[in-house]
Amino acid sequence: MKTELQVPSSLIFLTIVEHWLLSSLEVELGEHIDWPRQSNRLRLVLAEAYSNVIRHAHKDKPHLPVLIRLEIKDNDIALEIWDYGQGYHAKDYNPPTPEAKQESGYGWLIINRLMDRVDYSLQIDGRNCLKLEASMPEKMQ
């Protein structure tokens, strides 16, 4: 199954985006997934990724839309978040350390820890794409 959602660049739409994602997954994957655990995981990842687009990529351009695509195959999901920002060079990322007392950089760390695979592509047809992939484990009986 494939589906997509396009929303304005505003954090007020985060709840709508979360609901769309989780509802789409539940419809397609049914009751055999541990939803309390997986929904918390995906909610956090989506909130980090979506808010990064709003706060960084579209910071001075709130009129630009954010496109979110979801593909589900078996228990595997691929979530793409497309933006029109200048882009981020993932190779320049320095993970935060407890002694550094950084104020930023935790979102990227969280996303990479909670997802099975994270890819970021710069400037594809004028947009950037953050692709997040994960396998959804089945509920223990």
C-alpha atoms as a PDB file:
ATOM      1  CA  MET A   1       0.000   0.000   0.000  1.00  0.00           C
ATOM      2  CA  LYS A   2       1.177   3.513  -0.800  1.00  0.00           C
ATOM      3  CA  THR A   3      -0.336   6.766   0.398  1.00  0.00           C
ATOM      4  CA  GLU A   4       0.768  10.363   0.801  1.00  0.00           C
ATOM      5  CA  LEU A   5      -0.204  13.534   2.612  1.00  0.00           C
ATOM      6  CA  GLN A   6       0.705  17.120   1.823  1.00  0.00           C
ATOM      7  CA  VAL A   7       0.407  19.641   4.661  1.00  0.00           C
ATOM      8  CA  PRO A   8       1.388  23.266   5.290  1.00  0.00           C
ATOM      9  CA  SER A   9       4.659  24.061   7.060  1.00  0.00           C
ATOM     10  CA  SER A  10       3.195  24.577  10.504  1.00  0.00           C
ATOM     11  CA  LEU A  11       3.500  22.642  13.743  1.00  0.00           C
ATOM     12  CA  ILE A  12      -0.257  22.954  14.254  1.00  0.00           C
ATOM     13  CA  PHE A  13      -0.611  20.167  11.671  1.00  0.00           C
ATOM     14  CA  LEU A  14       1.578  17.700  13.596  1.00  0.00           C
ATOM     15  CA  THR A  15      -1.420  16.006  15.224  1.00  0.00           C
ATOM     16  CA  ILE A  16      -3.063  15.564  11.819  1.00  0.00           C
ATOM     17  CA  VAL A  17       0.135  14.095  10.364  1.00  0.00           C
ATOM     18  CA  GLU A  18       0.499  11.686  13.318  1.00  0.00           C
ATOM     19  CA  HIS A  19      -3.129  10.586  13.038  1.00  0.00           C
ATOM     20  CA  TRP A  20      -2.782  10.016   9.283  1.00  0.00           C
ATOM     21  CA  LEU A  21       0.361   7.912   9.740  1.00  0.00           C
ATOM     22  CA  LEU A  22      -0.874   5.764  12.613  1.00  0.00           C
ATOM     23  CA  SER A  23      -4.341   5.272  11.107  1.00  0.00           C
ATOM     24  CA  SER A  24      -2.848   4.236   7.767  1.00  0.00           C
ATOM     25  CA  LEU A  25      -0.572   1.733   9.488  1.00  0.00           C
ATOM     26  CA  GLU A  26      -3.326   0.275  11.646  1.00  0.00           C
ATOM     27  CA  VAL A  27      -5.658  -0.161   8.667  1.00  0.00           C
ATOM     28  CA  GLU A  28      -2.981  -1.932   6.659  1.00  0.00           C
ATOM     29  CA  LEU A  29      -1.183  -3.944   9.359  1.00  0.00           C
ATOM     30  CA  GLY A  30      -4.117  -4.784  11.613  1.00  0.00           C
ATOM     31  CA  GLU A  31      -4.063  -5.975  15.185  1.00  0.00           C
ATOM     32  CA  HIS A  32      -0.980  -8.224  15.099  1.00  0.00           C
ATOM     33  CA  ILE A  33       1.391  -5.296  15.797  1.00  0.00           C
ATOM     34  CA  ASP A  34       2.267  -4.078  19.310  1.00  0.00           C
ATOM     35  CA  TRP A  35       0.624  -0.679  18.716  1.00  0.00           C
ATOM     36  CA  PRO A  36       1.282   1.007  22.072  1.00  0.00           C
ATOM     37  CA  ARG A  37       5.017   0.488  21.699  1.00  0.00           C
ATOM     38  CA  GLN A  38       5.262   1.070  17.945  1.00  0.00           C
ATOM     39  CA  SER A  39       2.983   4.114  17.910  1.00  0.00           C
ATOM     40  CA  ASN A  40       5.140   5.821  20.555  1.00  0.00           C
ATOM     41  CA  ARG A  41       8.268   5.051  18.532  1.00  0.00           C
ATOM     42  CA  LEU A  42       6.784   6.351  15.275  1.00  0.00           C
ATOM     43  CA  ARG A  43       5.177   9.394  16.894  1.00  0.00           C
ATOM     44  CA  LEU A  44       8.546  10.502  18.274  1.00  0.00           C
ATOM     45  CA  VAL A  45      10.365   9.937  14.973  1.00  0.00           C
ATOM     46  CA  LEU A  46       7.680  11.753  12.997  1.00  0.00           C
ATOM     47  CA  ALA A  47       7.580  14.671  15.438  1.00  0.00           C
ATOM     48  CA  GLU A  48      11.362  15.092  15.197  1.00  0.00           C
ATOM     49  CA  ALA A  49      11.483  14.845  11.403  1.00  0.00           C
ATOM     50  CA  TYR A  50       8.435  17.034  10.733  1.00  0.00           C
ATOM     51  CA  SER A  51       9.435  19.707  13.255  1.00  0.00           C
ATOM     52  CA  ASN A  52      12.953  19.834  11.759  1.00  0.00           C
ATOM     53  CA  VAL A  53      11.423  20.678   8.385  1.00  0.00           C
ATOM     54  CA  ILE A  54       9.287  23.407   9.941  1.00  0.00           C
ATOM     55  CA  ARG A  55      12.034  24.891  12.152  1.00  0.00           C
ATOM     56  CA  HIS A  56      14.983  24.558   9.762  1.00  0.00           C
ATOM     57  CA  ALA A  57      14.214  23.732   6.111  1.00  0.00           C
ATOM     58  CA  HIS A  58      11.100  25.922   5.819  1.00  0.00           C
ATOM     59  CA  LYS A  59      12.019  28.376   8.588  1.00  0.00           C
ATOM     60  CA  ASP A  60      11.585  31.502   6.476  1.00  0.00           C
ATOM     61  CA  LYS A  61       9.111  29.968   4.021  1.00  0.00           C
ATOM     62  CA  PRO A  62       5.989  28.800   5.876  1.00  0.00           C
ATOM     63  CA  HIS A  63       3.990  28.851   2.631  1.00  0.00           C
ATOM     64  CA  LEU A  64       5.898  25.804   1.315  1.00  0.00           C
ATOM     65  CA  PRO A  65       4.179  22.422   1.707  1.00  0.00           C
ATOM     66  CA  VAL A  66       5.618  19.326   3.362  1.00  0.00           C
ATOM     67  CA  LEU A  67       4.979  16.085   1.493  1.00  0.00           C
ATOM     68  CA  ILE A  68       4.901  12.851   3.462  1.00  0.00           C
ATOM     69  CA  ARG A  69       4.741   9.493   1.720  1.00  0.00           C
ATOM     70  CA  LEU A  70       4.147   6.111   3.280  1.00  0.00           C
ATOM     71  CA  GLU A  71       4.716   2.721   1.730  1.00  0.00           C
ATOM     72  CA  ILE A  72       3.845  -0.505   3.525  1.00  0.00           C
ATOM     73  CA  LYS A  73       4.902  -3.929   2.312  1.00  0.00           C
ATOM     74  CA  ASP A  74       4.315  -6.895   4.604  1.00  0.00           C
ATOM     75  CA  ASN A  75       5.451  -5.560   7.997  1.00  0.00           C
ATOM     76  CA  ASP A  76       8.003  -3.159   6.528  1.00  0.00           C
ATOM     77  CA  ILE A  77       7.331   0.558   6.317  1.00  0.00           C
ATOM     78  CA  ALA A  78       9.073   3.318   4.398  1.00  0.00           C
ATOM     79  CA  LEU A  79       8.247   6.894   5.340  1.00  0.00           C
ATOM     80  CA  GLU A  80       9.505   9.781   3.189  1.00  0.00           C
ATOM     81  CA  ILE A  81       9.439  13.413   4.285  1.00  0.00           C
ATOM     82  CA  TRP A  82      10.055  15.897   1.465  1.00  0.00           C
ATOM     83  CA  ASP A  83      11.007  19.552   1.936  1.00  0.00           C
ATOM     84  CA  TYR A  84      12.203  22.520  -0.130  1.00  0.00           C
ATOM     85  CA  GLY A  85      14.983  23.706   2.190  1.00  0.00           C
ATOM     86  CA  GLN A  86      18.678  24.151   1.448  1.00  0.00           C
ATOM     87  CA  GLY A  87      19.372  20.737   2.845  1.00  0.00           C
ATOM     88  CA  TYR A  88      21.423  19.235   5.591  1.00  0.00           C
ATOM     89  CA  HIS A  89      24.759  17.504   5.167  1.00  0.00           C
ATOM     90  CA  ALA A  90      24.451  14.395   7.334  1.00  0.00           C
ATOM     91  CA  LYS A  91      28.211  13.766   7.108  1.00  0.00           C
ATOM     92  CA  ASP A  92      28.760  16.992   9.082  1.00  0.00           C
ATOM     93  CA  TYR A  93      26.640  15.754  11.989  1.00  0.00           C
ATOM     94  CA  ASN A  94      28.333  15.444  15.371  1.00  0.00           C
ATOM     95  CA  PRO A  95      26.196  13.488  17.829  1.00  0.00           C
ATOM     96  CA  PRO A  96      25.635  15.186  21.166  1.00  0.00           C
ATOM     97  CA  THR A  97      27.561  13.908  24.156  1.00  0.00           C
ATOM     98  CA  PRO A  98      26.539  14.265  27.810  1.00  0.00           C
ATOM     99  CA  GLU A  99      29.601  16.320  28.680  1.00  0.00           C
ATOM    100  CA  ALA A 100      29.115  18.774  25.785  1.00  0.00           C
ATOM    101  CA  LYS A 101      25.695  19.902  27.061  1.00  0.00           C
ATOM    102  CA  GLN A 102      24.519  20.645  23.506  1.00  0.00           C
ATOM    103  CA  GLU A 103      21.119  22.197  22.960  1.00  0.00           C
ATOM    104  CA  SER A 104      20.586  20.749  19.489  1.00  0.00           C
ATOM    105  CA  GLY A 105      21.347  17.647  17.473  1.00  0.00           C
ATOM    106  CA  TYR A 106      19.286  15.224  19.532  1.00  0.00           C
ATOM    107  CA  GLY A 107      16.535  14.795  16.925  1.00  0.00           C
ATOM    108  CA  TRP A 108      18.866  13.283  14.358  1.00  0.00           C
ATOM    109  CA  LEU A 109      20.264  10.955  17.029  1.00  0.00           C
ATOM    110  CA  ILE A 110      16.765   9.851  18.084  1.00  0.00           C
ATOM    111  CA  ILE A 111      15.665   9.247  14.491  1.00  0.00           C
ATOM    112  CA  ASN A 112      18.734   7.125  13.744  1.00  0.00           C
ATOM    113  CA  ARG A 113      18.360   5.085  16.932  1.00  0.00           C
ATOM    114  CA  LEU A 114      14.645   4.358  16.522  1.00  0.00           C
ATOM    115  CA  MET A 115      14.557   3.493  12.817  1.00  0.00           C
ATOM    116  CA  ASP A 116      16.187   0.542  11.076  1.00  0.00           C
ATOM    117  CA  ARG A 117      17.454   2.662   8.198  1.00  0.00           C
ATOM    118  CA  VAL A 118      17.726   6.410   7.621  1.00  0.00           C
ATOM    119  CA  ASP A 119      18.636   7.975   4.269  1.00  0.00           C
ATOM    120  CA  TYR A 120      18.779  11.646   3.426  1.00  0.00           C
ATOM    121  CA  SER A 121      18.969  12.811  -0.186  1.00  0.00           C
ATOM    122  CA  LEU A 122      19.703  16.412  -1.102  1.00  0.00           C
ATOM    123  CA  GLN A 123      18.052  18.289  -3.942  1.00  0.00           C
ATOM    124  CA  ILE A 124      16.036  15.799  -5.937  1.00  0.00           C
ATOM    125  CA  ASP A 125      13.993  17.958  -8.332  1.00  0.00           C
ATOM    126  CA  GLY A 126      14.492  20.937  -6.017  1.00  0.00           C
ATOM    127  CA  ARG A 127      13.520  19.061  -2.859  1.00  0.00           C
ATOM    128  CA  ASN A 128      15.207  17.047  -0.114  1.00  0.00           C
ATOM    129  CA  CYS A 129      14.007  13.648   1.029  1.00  0.00           C
ATOM    130  CA  LEU A 130      14.400  12.042   4.433  1.00  0.00           C
ATOM    131  CA  LYS A 131      13.578   8.347   4.058  1.00  0.00           C
ATOM    132  CA  LEU A 132      12.914   6.355   7.209  1.00  0.00           C
ATOM    133  CA  GLU A 133      12.528   2.593   7.126  1.00  0.00           C
ATOM    134  CA  ALA A 134      11.532   0.121   9.811  1.00  0.00           C
ATOM    135  CA  SER A 135      10.237  -3.363  10.206  1.00  0.00           C
ATOM    136  CA  MET A 136       7.197  -3.545  12.472  1.00  0.00           C
ATOM    137  CA  PRO A 137       7.589  -6.465  14.876  1.00  0.00           C
ATOM    138  CA  GLU A 138       4.524  -8.575  15.515  1.00  0.00           C
ATOM    139  CA  LYS A 139       2.840  -8.604  18.903  1.00  0.00           C
ATOM    140  CA  MET A 140       4.008 -11.343  21.244  1.00  0.00           C
ATOM    141  CA  GLN A 141       1.223 -13.821  21.976  1.00  0.00           C
END
